[in-house]
Amino acid sequence: MSLLKKLFAPVNMTVGEPWKKIVLFTIPMLLGNIAQQLYNTVDSVVVGNYVGDNALAAVGSAGPILNLLIVLFVGISIGASIMVSQYFGAKDREALSHTIGNCIVLTILASLFVMIAGTIVARPMLILLKTPDSILDWCTSYLHILFIGGAGLAFYNILSGVLRGLGDSVSALIYLVVASVLNIILDLVFVINFGMGVSGVALATSIAQTVSALLCMRKLYTMKDLFDLKLHYIKWNKKYAMDIICLGVPSGITQAIMSMSMIVVQSLTNSFGEMFIAANVIVTRVDGFAMMPNFSFGTAMTTYAGQNVGAGAYDRVKKGAKQGTLLALGVSVIITGSILLVGKPLMGIFTNTPELVDLSMQMMRILAVGYIAMAVLQSLSGVMRGAGDTMTPMWVSIFQTLILRVPLAYGMCFLTRTAEFPNGRKECIFISLLVSWIIGAVITSVLYARGKWAKKGVYHE
């Protein structure tokens, strides 16, 4: 096999030293996640520097609503990745073909739903969240364009989930790099040359996502040695579609709850005015990059666990879980230290306003240590999901967000109200997030140790 073919070939994670397989799978996926995060980051940098701080606030305020309405894509993607990895590990070609075909069918249905529902509810939800009038129209146009072009986002996320389940994290990286470069070029053209503002960055993102989706589809059509992608398989099959949905729904609910909590807290954030909204956007963008290793290790552990559960190698799953979590912890320690040392120059990329840079860095220091806790939470949750237990991470997320994060944010802000701070202390919003991360990591560790996840595999002889 040539070096190029070997690089793009699916990785069999049921053989070899676990930590080596996890690292080889994680590195290209991490780079791909960074490239994907560039979509939103480049949008923010361009509008912040060429349109203004209010435009930056508009892009950020639209984020939670966008995330809420794309949870369908997330759920299907995770369900697909789990099923594909387990059937791949079990070497069941027929089941694998049906699973991938039904992923495509579900993606089409989810895209149509989000396209219609998103454009209808975008503005009413922004008004409900008390989005300032100064940025309401910008937020609305940004969301409308992204929802109308949502098929590209849907197909990329779900088809890349299929590729990850097959052990191929390199192809998704290459396609995202291509799309990210295209996104940057179009951002600059639409905003600077055509003066399209917030609408321009949304259009650029939609086009770039569609390109990455088409490349993923093309890749799947070339993998005929592993499965069949004929019309016979690309049709609704109740068994496989419902398996994908049942595995994916808890993960989708998890994302929905997180998005809902962000929306509820966004309403609180909006009460502090445009400056704090813009600071929140900057912190969110830097946070997105800081979280990438944790999310990447979590996804790698899902594929690793799925393939080995499909092969019946549970001892190997536990060995890889330990090694993968330790790797994630080491990377998170390095990232936390880097943020504390060079965080301020990073904030300066997004805006030329010194007060905004200082405020953003103040909030970022609060969150920094939480990335170490999230390394544990994401890695062990990934193992449980890969084994077919998507319910446990869902319940942990519900507790984290609904019982801890949201009440803490509002309660702490209420208790810290003074004449100087009539809405409470801004720091409380980020302190509540930090506390929820740490407690969530502790709970996840205890539930993983109990071992009930090992009885949830979807593949049975």
Protein backbone atom coordinates (compact mmCIF):
# COMPACT_ATOMS: atom_id res chain seq x y z
CA MET A 1 0.00 0.00 0.00
CA SER A 2 1.41 3.42 -0.95
CA LEU A 3 2.02 6.04 1.74
CA LEU A 4 -0.84 8.22 0.42
CA LYS A 5 -3.33 5.32 0.40
CA LYS A 6 -2.21 4.26 3.86
CA LEU A 7 -2.70 7.79 5.17
CA PHE A 8 -6.30 7.89 3.94
CA ALA A 9 -7.16 4.28 4.79
CA PRO A 10 -9.56 3.50 7.67
CA VAL A 11 -7.77 2.70 10.95
CA ASN A 12 -8.51 -0.63 12.61
CA MET A 13 -8.35 0.27 16.32
CA THR A 14 -8.89 -3.30 17.52
CA VAL A 15 -5.21 -4.17 17.11
CA GLY A 16 -1.93 -2.55 18.16
CA GLU A 17 -0.96 -0.47 21.19
CA PRO A 18 -4.09 1.48 22.25
CA TRP A 19 -2.46 4.85 23.00
CA LYS A 20 -0.66 4.87 19.64
CA LYS A 21 -3.89 4.20 17.75
CA ILE A 22 -5.68 6.88 19.77
CA VAL A 23 -2.96 9.47 19.12
CA LEU A 24 -2.77 8.69 15.39
CA PHE A 25 -6.54 9.03 15.13
CA THR A 26 -6.78 12.11 17.36
CA ILE A 27 -4.11 14.30 15.72
CA PRO A 28 -5.79 14.74 12.31
CA MET A 29 -9.18 15.03 14.00
CA LEU A 30 -7.84 17.72 16.34
CA LEU A 31 -6.46 19.63 13.38
CA GLY A 32 -9.82 19.19 11.66
CA ASN A 33 -11.70 20.48 14.69
CA ILE A 34 -9.40 23.48 14.82
CA ALA A 35 -10.11 24.10 11.15
CA GLN A 36 -13.85 23.88 11.83
CA GLN A 37 -13.55 26.30 14.72
CA LEU A 38 -11.89 28.68 12.27
CA TYR A 39 -15.28 29.12 10.60
CA ASN A 40 -16.70 31.04 13.54
CA THR A 41 -13.40 32.58 14.57
CA VAL A 42 -12.64 34.08 11.17
CA ASP A 43 -16.20 35.41 11.04
CA SER A 44 -15.63 37.13 14.39
CA VAL A 45 -12.19 38.49 13.49
CA VAL A 46 -13.41 39.91 10.18
CA VAL A 47 -16.58 41.55 11.51
CA GLY A 48 -14.83 42.74 14.67
CA ASN A 49 -12.06 44.47 12.75
CA TYR A 50 -13.86 45.59 9.57
CA VAL A 51 -17.44 46.20 10.73
CA GLY A 52 -17.24 46.92 14.48
CA ASP A 53 -17.78 45.62 18.01
CA ASN A 54 -21.58 45.60 17.61
CA ALA A 55 -21.26 43.29 14.60
CA LEU A 56 -19.01 41.05 16.71
CA ALA A 57 -21.70 40.99 19.39
CA ALA A 58 -24.32 40.13 16.74
CA VAL A 59 -22.42 37.06 15.52
CA GLY A 60 -21.98 35.86 19.10
CA SER A 61 -25.58 36.43 20.15
CA ALA A 62 -26.78 34.34 17.20
CA GLY A 63 -24.57 31.40 18.20
CA PRO A 64 -26.71 29.77 20.93
CA ILE A 65 -29.82 29.74 18.71
CA LEU A 66 -27.86 28.23 15.82
CA ASN A 67 -26.47 25.55 18.13
CA LEU A 68 -29.92 24.71 19.48
CA LEU A 69 -31.40 24.08 16.05
CA ILE A 70 -28.54 21.95 14.74
CA VAL A 71 -28.71 19.42 17.60
CA LEU A 72 -30.44 17.08 15.13
CA PHE A 73 -27.22 16.96 13.11
CA VAL A 74 -25.17 16.31 16.23
CA GLY A 75 -27.44 13.49 17.38
CA ILE A 76 -27.49 11.72 14.02
CA SER A 77 -23.73 12.16 13.65
CA ILE A 78 -22.96 10.57 17.02
CA GLY A 79 -25.48 7.77 16.53
CA ALA A 80 -24.00 7.07 13.09
CA SER A 81 -20.43 7.09 14.39
CA ILE A 82 -21.26 4.61 17.17
CA MET A 83 -23.11 2.17 14.90
CA VAL A 84 -20.56 2.41 12.10
CA SER A 85 -17.64 1.81 14.48
CA GLN A 86 -19.28 -1.22 16.09
CA TYR A 87 -20.32 -2.83 12.79
CA PHE A 88 -16.87 -2.05 11.35
CA GLY A 89 -15.24 -3.72 14.37
CA ALA A 90 -17.55 -6.72 13.92
CA LYS A 91 -16.80 -6.85 10.16
CA ASP A 92 -20.52 -6.89 9.26
CA ARG A 93 -20.61 -5.44 5.71
CA GLU A 94 -24.38 -5.70 5.21
CA ALA A 95 -25.28 -3.93 8.45
CA LEU A 96 -22.62 -1.31 7.79
CA SER A 97 -24.08 -0.58 4.33
CA HIS A 98 -27.62 -0.22 5.70
CA THR A 99 -26.40 2.04 8.50
CA ILE A 100 -24.56 4.44 6.19
CA GLY A 101 -27.48 4.53 3.73
CA ASN A 102 -29.90 5.44 6.51
CA CYS A 103 -27.53 8.13 7.76
CA ILE A 104 -27.92 9.84 4.38
CA VAL A 105 -31.72 9.56 4.52
CA LEU A 106 -31.85 11.00 8.05
CA THR A 107 -29.54 13.84 7.05
CA ILE A 108 -31.87 14.89 4.23
CA LEU A 109 -34.87 14.90 6.58
CA ALA A 110 -33.02 16.80 9.32
CA SER A 111 -31.75 19.41 6.83
CA LEU A 112 -35.25 20.16 5.56
CA PHE A 113 -36.61 20.51 9.08
CA VAL A 114 -33.89 22.89 10.26
CA MET A 115 -34.06 24.94 7.06
CA ILE A 116 -37.77 25.60 7.55
CA ALA A 117 -37.99 25.80 11.35
CA GLY A 118 -34.82 27.85 11.75
CA THR A 119 -35.86 30.67 9.44
CA ILE A 120 -39.28 30.87 11.13
CA VAL A 121 -38.16 30.99 14.78
CA ALA A 122 -34.86 32.93 14.50
CA ARG A 123 -36.15 36.48 15.00
CA PRO A 124 -38.82 35.64 17.62
CA MET A 125 -36.19 33.82 19.69
CA LEU A 126 -33.77 36.73 19.43
CA ILE A 127 -36.50 39.08 20.66
CA LEU A 128 -37.38 36.66 23.46
CA LEU A 129 -33.74 36.74 24.57
CA LYS A 130 -33.87 40.56 24.74
CA THR A 131 -31.23 40.95 22.06
CA PRO A 132 -30.39 44.68 21.87
CA ASP A 133 -32.15 46.52 19.04
CA SER A 134 -28.79 47.75 17.79
CA ILE A 135 -27.80 44.22 16.71
CA LEU A 136 -31.20 42.51 16.22
CA ASP A 137 -31.35 42.85 12.41
CA TRP A 138 -27.76 41.71 12.00
CA CYS A 139 -28.38 38.63 14.17
CA THR A 140 -31.50 37.76 12.21
CA SER A 141 -29.91 37.99 8.77
CA TYR A 142 -26.89 35.99 9.98
CA LEU A 143 -29.11 33.15 11.23
CA HIS A 144 -31.43 33.13 8.19
CA ILE A 145 -28.53 32.62 5.78
CA LEU A 146 -26.97 29.85 7.88
CA PHE A 147 -30.27 28.00 8.26
CA ILE A 148 -31.13 28.21 4.57
CA GLY A 149 -27.68 26.83 3.77
CA GLY A 150 -27.89 24.28 6.58
CA ALA A 151 -27.72 21.20 4.34
CA GLY A 152 -23.97 21.67 3.90
CA LEU A 153 -23.44 21.80 7.67
CA ALA A 154 -25.70 18.75 8.15
CA PHE A 155 -24.04 16.57 5.55
CA TYR A 156 -20.52 17.47 6.61
CA ASN A 157 -21.15 16.75 10.30
CA ILE A 158 -22.99 13.49 9.74
CA LEU A 159 -20.82 12.10 6.94
CA SER A 160 -17.66 13.00 8.84
CA GLY A 161 -19.17 11.06 11.76
CA VAL A 162 -19.46 8.05 9.43
CA LEU A 163 -15.83 8.47 8.35
CA ARG A 164 -14.71 8.68 11.98
CA GLY A 165 -16.61 5.49 12.80
CA LEU A 166 -14.65 3.80 10.02
CA GLY A 167 -11.42 5.02 11.61
CA ASP A 168 -10.76 7.69 8.97
CA SER A 169 -10.00 11.03 10.62
CA VAL A 170 -7.55 12.22 7.94
CA SER A 171 -10.05 12.74 5.10
CA ALA A 172 -12.26 14.97 7.26
CA LEU A 173 -9.16 17.02 8.13
CA ILE A 174 -8.22 17.59 4.49
CA TYR A 175 -11.77 18.57 3.53
CA LEU A 176 -12.06 20.99 6.43
CA VAL A 177 -8.75 22.63 5.60
CA VAL A 178 -9.97 23.19 2.03
CA ALA A 179 -13.27 24.57 3.31
CA SER A 180 -11.59 26.78 5.92
CA VAL A 181 -9.28 28.38 3.36
CA LEU A 182 -12.28 28.97 1.11
CA ASN A 183 -14.20 30.43 4.05
CA ILE A 184 -11.42 32.90 4.85
CA ILE A 185 -11.15 34.05 1.23
CA LEU A 186 -14.91 34.49 0.88
CA ASP A 187 -15.16 36.29 4.24
CA LEU A 188 -12.68 38.90 3.07
CA VAL A 189 -14.26 39.23 -0.38
CA PHE A 190 -17.86 39.52 0.85
CA VAL A 191 -17.14 41.84 3.78
CA ILE A 192 -14.30 44.05 2.51
CA ASN A 193 -14.92 44.12 -1.26
CA PHE A 194 -18.71 43.82 -1.34
CA GLY A 195 -19.50 45.45 2.03
CA MET A 196 -21.98 42.70 2.99
CA GLY A 197 -21.15 42.85 6.70
CA VAL A 198 -22.59 40.11 8.94
CA SER A 199 -24.56 38.61 6.06
CA GLY A 200 -21.33 38.19 4.11
CA VAL A 201 -19.63 36.04 6.73
CA ALA A 202 -22.75 33.86 7.03
CA LEU A 203 -22.85 33.33 3.26
CA ALA A 204 -19.14 32.51 3.18
CA THR A 205 -19.58 29.91 5.92
CA SER A 206 -22.54 28.27 4.16
CA ILE A 207 -20.67 27.94 0.88
CA ALA A 208 -17.54 26.53 2.56
CA GLN A 209 -19.56 23.98 4.54
CA THR A 210 -21.29 22.79 1.38
CA VAL A 211 -17.92 22.20 -0.29
CA SER A 212 -16.69 20.09 2.66
CA ALA A 213 -19.94 18.06 2.59
CA LEU A 214 -19.55 17.26 -1.12
CA LEU A 215 -15.99 16.11 -0.54
CA CYS A 216 -17.12 13.78 2.27
CA MET A 217 -19.78 12.24 0.02
CA ARG A 218 -17.22 11.70 -2.72
CA LYS A 219 -14.90 9.94 -0.25
CA LEU A 220 -17.63 7.54 0.86
CA TYR A 221 -18.31 6.55 -2.74
CA THR A 222 -14.67 5.43 -3.07
CA MET A 223 -14.77 3.07 -0.06
CA LYS A 224 -16.42 0.15 -1.85
CA ASP A 225 -14.09 -2.37 -0.26
CA LEU A 226 -15.76 -1.79 3.12
CA PHE A 227 -19.46 -1.28 2.32
CA ASP A 228 -21.95 -0.74 -0.52
CA LEU A 229 -23.47 2.67 -1.19
CA LYS A 230 -26.18 1.71 -3.66
CA LEU A 231 -29.77 2.97 -3.91
CA HIS A 232 -30.88 -0.29 -2.32
CA TYR A 233 -29.28 0.88 0.93
CA ILE A 234 -30.09 4.62 0.68
CA LYS A 235 -33.71 4.27 1.74
CA TRP A 236 -35.60 4.25 5.02
CA ASN A 237 -35.01 1.04 6.97
CA LYS A 238 -36.82 1.14 10.29
CA LYS A 239 -34.35 -1.04 12.18
CA TYR A 240 -31.21 0.85 11.25
CA ALA A 241 -32.79 4.30 11.24
CA MET A 242 -34.27 3.77 14.70
CA ASP A 243 -30.98 2.39 16.03
CA ILE A 244 -29.22 5.54 14.82
CA ILE A 245 -31.94 7.72 16.33
CA CYS A 246 -32.05 5.83 19.65
CA LEU A 247 -28.28 6.09 20.04
CA GLY A 248 -28.15 9.67 18.77
CA VAL A 249 -31.17 11.17 20.58
CA PRO A 250 -29.52 11.22 24.04
CA SER A 251 -26.48 12.95 22.55
CA GLY A 252 -28.77 15.33 20.66
CA ILE A 253 -30.67 16.04 23.88
CA THR A 254 -27.34 16.65 25.60
CA GLN A 255 -26.43 19.23 22.98
CA ALA A 256 -29.92 20.73 23.12
CA ILE A 257 -29.73 21.12 26.88
CA MET A 258 -26.32 22.74 26.61
CA SER A 259 -27.63 25.07 23.91
CA MET A 260 -30.75 25.88 25.93
CA SER A 261 -28.62 26.69 28.95
CA MET A 262 -26.47 28.94 26.76
CA ILE A 263 -29.61 30.67 25.51
CA VAL A 264 -30.95 31.15 29.04
CA VAL A 265 -27.58 32.45 30.23
CA GLN A 266 -27.29 34.55 27.05
CA SER A 267 -30.36 36.44 28.22
CA LEU A 268 -28.48 37.20 31.44
CA THR A 269 -25.36 38.08 29.47
CA ASN A 270 -27.34 40.50 27.30
CA SER A 271 -28.41 42.40 30.42
CA PHE A 272 -24.81 43.53 30.90
CA GLY A 273 -24.76 45.39 27.55
CA GLU A 274 -22.93 45.25 24.22
CA MET A 275 -19.42 45.43 25.70
CA PHE A 276 -19.87 42.31 27.82
CA ILE A 277 -21.69 40.53 24.97
CA ALA A 278 -18.67 41.18 22.74
CA ALA A 279 -16.29 39.99 25.49
CA ASN A 280 -18.36 36.82 25.83
CA VAL A 281 -17.98 36.24 22.08
CA ILE A 282 -14.20 36.57 22.30
CA VAL A 283 -13.97 34.22 25.28
CA THR A 284 -16.24 31.73 23.49
CA ARG A 285 -14.01 31.75 20.41
CA VAL A 286 -10.81 31.20 22.40
CA ASP A 287 -12.63 28.62 24.52
CA GLY A 288 -13.59 26.81 21.32
CA PHE A 289 -9.94 26.27 20.48
CA ALA A 290 -8.99 25.38 24.05
CA MET A 291 -11.71 22.72 24.14
CA MET A 292 -10.70 21.16 20.83
CA PRO A 293 -8.24 18.62 22.29
CA ASN A 294 -10.83 17.49 24.83
CA PHE A 295 -13.54 17.09 22.19
CA SER A 296 -11.07 15.37 19.86
CA PHE A 297 -9.97 12.86 22.48
CA GLY A 298 -13.61 12.30 23.40
CA THR A 299 -14.53 11.54 19.80
CA ALA A 300 -11.46 9.35 19.35
CA MET A 301 -12.45 7.36 22.44
CA THR A 302 -15.94 6.89 20.99
CA THR A 303 -14.52 5.33 17.82
CA TYR A 304 -11.92 3.33 19.76
CA ALA A 305 -14.50 1.94 22.19
CA GLY A 306 -17.04 1.29 19.43
CA GLN A 307 -14.70 -0.75 17.27
CA ASN A 308 -13.42 -2.79 20.21
CA VAL A 309 -16.89 -3.38 21.65
CA GLY A 310 -17.94 -4.61 18.19
CA ALA A 311 -14.99 -7.00 18.30
CA GLY A 312 -15.84 -8.06 21.87
CA ALA A 313 -12.49 -6.79 23.27
CA TYR A 314 -13.69 -5.16 26.52
CA ASP A 315 -10.37 -5.46 28.35
CA ARG A 316 -8.79 -3.54 25.50
CA VAL A 317 -11.49 -0.85 25.82
CA LYS A 318 -10.60 -0.29 29.49
CA LYS A 319 -6.87 -0.19 28.76
CA GLY A 320 -7.39 2.39 26.00
CA ALA A 321 -9.73 4.44 28.20
CA LYS A 322 -7.02 4.83 30.83
CA GLN A 323 -4.31 5.70 28.33
CA GLY A 324 -6.52 8.08 26.34
CA THR A 325 -7.66 9.97 29.45
CA LEU A 326 -4.08 10.43 30.65
CA LEU A 327 -3.11 11.78 27.21
CA ALA A 328 -6.03 14.22 27.26
CA LEU A 329 -5.08 15.40 30.76
CA GLY A 330 -1.49 16.09 29.70
CA VAL A 331 -2.57 18.14 26.69
CA SER A 332 -5.09 20.12 28.77
CA VAL A 333 -2.45 21.07 31.34
CA ILE A 334 -0.30 22.50 28.54
CA ILE A 335 -3.25 24.42 27.06
CA THR A 336 -4.27 25.86 30.43
CA GLY A 337 -0.76 27.13 31.03
CA SER A 338 -0.57 28.62 27.54
CA ILE A 339 -3.85 30.52 27.99
CA LEU A 340 -2.67 32.01 31.26
CA LEU A 341 0.65 33.06 29.71
CA VAL A 342 -0.32 34.38 26.26
CA GLY A 343 -4.10 34.79 26.47
CA LYS A 344 -4.12 38.57 26.20
CA PRO A 345 -2.50 38.76 22.75
CA LEU A 346 -5.06 36.19 21.57
CA MET A 347 -7.89 38.46 22.72
CA GLY A 348 -6.32 41.33 20.81
CA ILE A 349 -6.83 39.48 17.52
CA PHE A 350 -10.58 40.07 17.75
CA THR A 351 -10.73 43.76 18.60
CA ASN A 352 -8.68 46.95 18.86
CA THR A 353 -10.56 48.09 21.99
CA PRO A 354 -8.22 47.78 25.04
CA GLU A 355 -11.09 47.67 27.56
CA LEU A 356 -12.67 44.79 25.67
CA VAL A 357 -9.37 42.87 25.59
CA ASP A 358 -8.89 43.29 29.36
CA LEU A 359 -12.46 42.25 30.16
CA SER A 360 -12.18 39.16 27.96
CA MET A 361 -8.91 38.08 29.55
CA GLN A 362 -10.36 38.55 33.03
CA MET A 363 -13.16 36.10 32.19
CA MET A 364 -10.80 33.67 30.45
CA ARG A 365 -8.63 33.33 33.57
CA ILE A 366 -11.67 32.07 35.47
CA LEU A 367 -12.31 29.27 32.96
CA ALA A 368 -8.72 28.16 32.32
CA VAL A 369 -8.38 25.46 35.00
CA GLY A 370 -11.72 23.94 33.97
CA TYR A 371 -10.19 22.52 30.79
CA ILE A 372 -8.32 19.95 32.87
CA ALA A 373 -11.61 18.72 34.37
CA MET A 374 -13.19 18.63 30.92
CA ALA A 375 -10.39 16.35 29.67
CA VAL A 376 -11.60 13.66 32.06
CA LEU A 377 -15.28 14.27 31.36
CA GLN A 378 -14.97 14.17 27.56
CA SER A 379 -12.66 11.13 27.41
CA LEU A 380 -14.71 8.90 29.71
CA SER A 381 -18.00 10.07 28.19
CA GLY A 382 -16.56 9.16 24.79
CA VAL A 383 -15.83 5.62 25.97
CA MET A 384 -19.37 5.19 27.30
CA ARG A 385 -20.91 6.51 24.08
CA GLY A 386 -18.75 4.25 21.94
CA ALA A 387 -19.94 1.26 23.95
CA GLY A 388 -23.54 2.25 23.20
CA ASP A 389 -24.32 3.96 26.53
CA THR A 390 -25.41 7.43 25.41
CA MET A 391 -27.88 7.85 28.29
CA THR A 392 -25.33 8.25 31.10
CA PRO A 393 -23.53 11.24 29.51
CA MET A 394 -26.96 12.75 28.82
CA TRP A 395 -28.01 12.58 32.49
CA VAL A 396 -24.69 14.01 33.60
CA SER A 397 -25.16 16.90 31.16
CA ILE A 398 -28.69 17.54 32.42
CA PHE A 399 -27.41 17.72 35.98
CA GLN A 400 -24.47 19.92 34.97
CA THR A 401 -26.53 22.47 33.11
CA LEU A 402 -30.05 22.50 34.56
CA ILE A 403 -29.26 21.76 38.19
CA LEU A 404 -25.88 23.48 38.46
CA ARG A 405 -24.86 25.94 35.76
CA VAL A 406 -28.07 27.93 35.10
CA PRO A 407 -29.25 28.28 38.73
CA LEU A 408 -25.71 29.15 39.84
CA ALA A 409 -25.34 31.86 37.18
CA TYR A 410 -28.62 33.57 38.03
CA GLY A 411 -28.31 32.97 41.78
CA MET A 412 -24.77 34.35 42.03
CA CYS A 413 -25.62 37.38 39.90
CA PHE A 414 -28.66 38.06 42.08
CA LEU A 415 -26.68 37.76 45.32
CA THR A 416 -23.90 40.07 44.10
CA ARG A 417 -26.17 42.96 43.09
CA THR A 418 -25.07 46.32 44.46
CA ALA A 419 -25.52 49.98 43.58
CA GLU A 420 -22.33 49.72 41.51
CA PHE A 421 -23.39 46.41 39.90
CA PRO A 422 -27.21 46.53 39.58
CA ASN A 423 -27.29 43.29 37.56
CA GLY A 424 -24.69 41.54 39.73
CA ARG A 425 -21.06 40.67 39.03
CA LYS A 426 -20.23 39.64 35.47
CA GLU A 427 -17.73 37.08 36.72
CA CYS A 428 -20.54 34.93 38.12
CA ILE A 429 -21.51 33.76 34.62
CA PHE A 430 -18.10 32.15 34.09
CA ILE A 431 -17.65 30.95 37.69
CA SER A 432 -20.90 28.99 37.35
CA LEU A 433 -19.58 27.33 34.20
CA LEU A 434 -16.29 26.38 35.88
CA VAL A 435 -18.09 24.80 38.86
CA SER A 436 -20.37 22.76 36.56
CA TRP A 437 -17.37 21.43 34.60
CA ILE A 438 -15.52 20.24 37.72
CA ILE A 439 -18.52 18.54 39.31
CA GLY A 440 -19.50 16.97 35.99
CA ALA A 441 -16.01 15.44 35.67
CA VAL A 442 -16.23 13.93 39.16
CA ILE A 443 -19.66 12.40 38.49
CA THR A 444 -18.57 11.00 35.10
CA SER A 445 -15.51 9.35 36.67
CA VAL A 446 -17.65 7.62 39.31
CA LEU A 447 -20.20 6.37 36.75
CA TYR A 448 -17.49 5.08 34.41
CA ALA A 449 -15.90 3.16 37.28
CA ARG A 450 -19.22 1.42 37.98
CA GLY A 451 -18.91 -0.23 34.55
CA LYS A 452 -22.58 -0.48 33.48
CA TRP A 453 -21.64 1.02 30.09
CA ALA A 454 -20.01 -2.31 29.14
CA LYS A 455 -23.43 -3.94 28.61
CA LYS A 456 -24.81 -1.49 26.03
CA GLY A 457 -23.27 -2.63 22.71
CA VAL A 458 -25.66 -2.45 19.72
CA TYR A 459 -24.02 -5.32 17.85
CA HIS A 460 -25.09 -8.83 18.72
CA GLU A 461 -24.37 -12.06 16.88
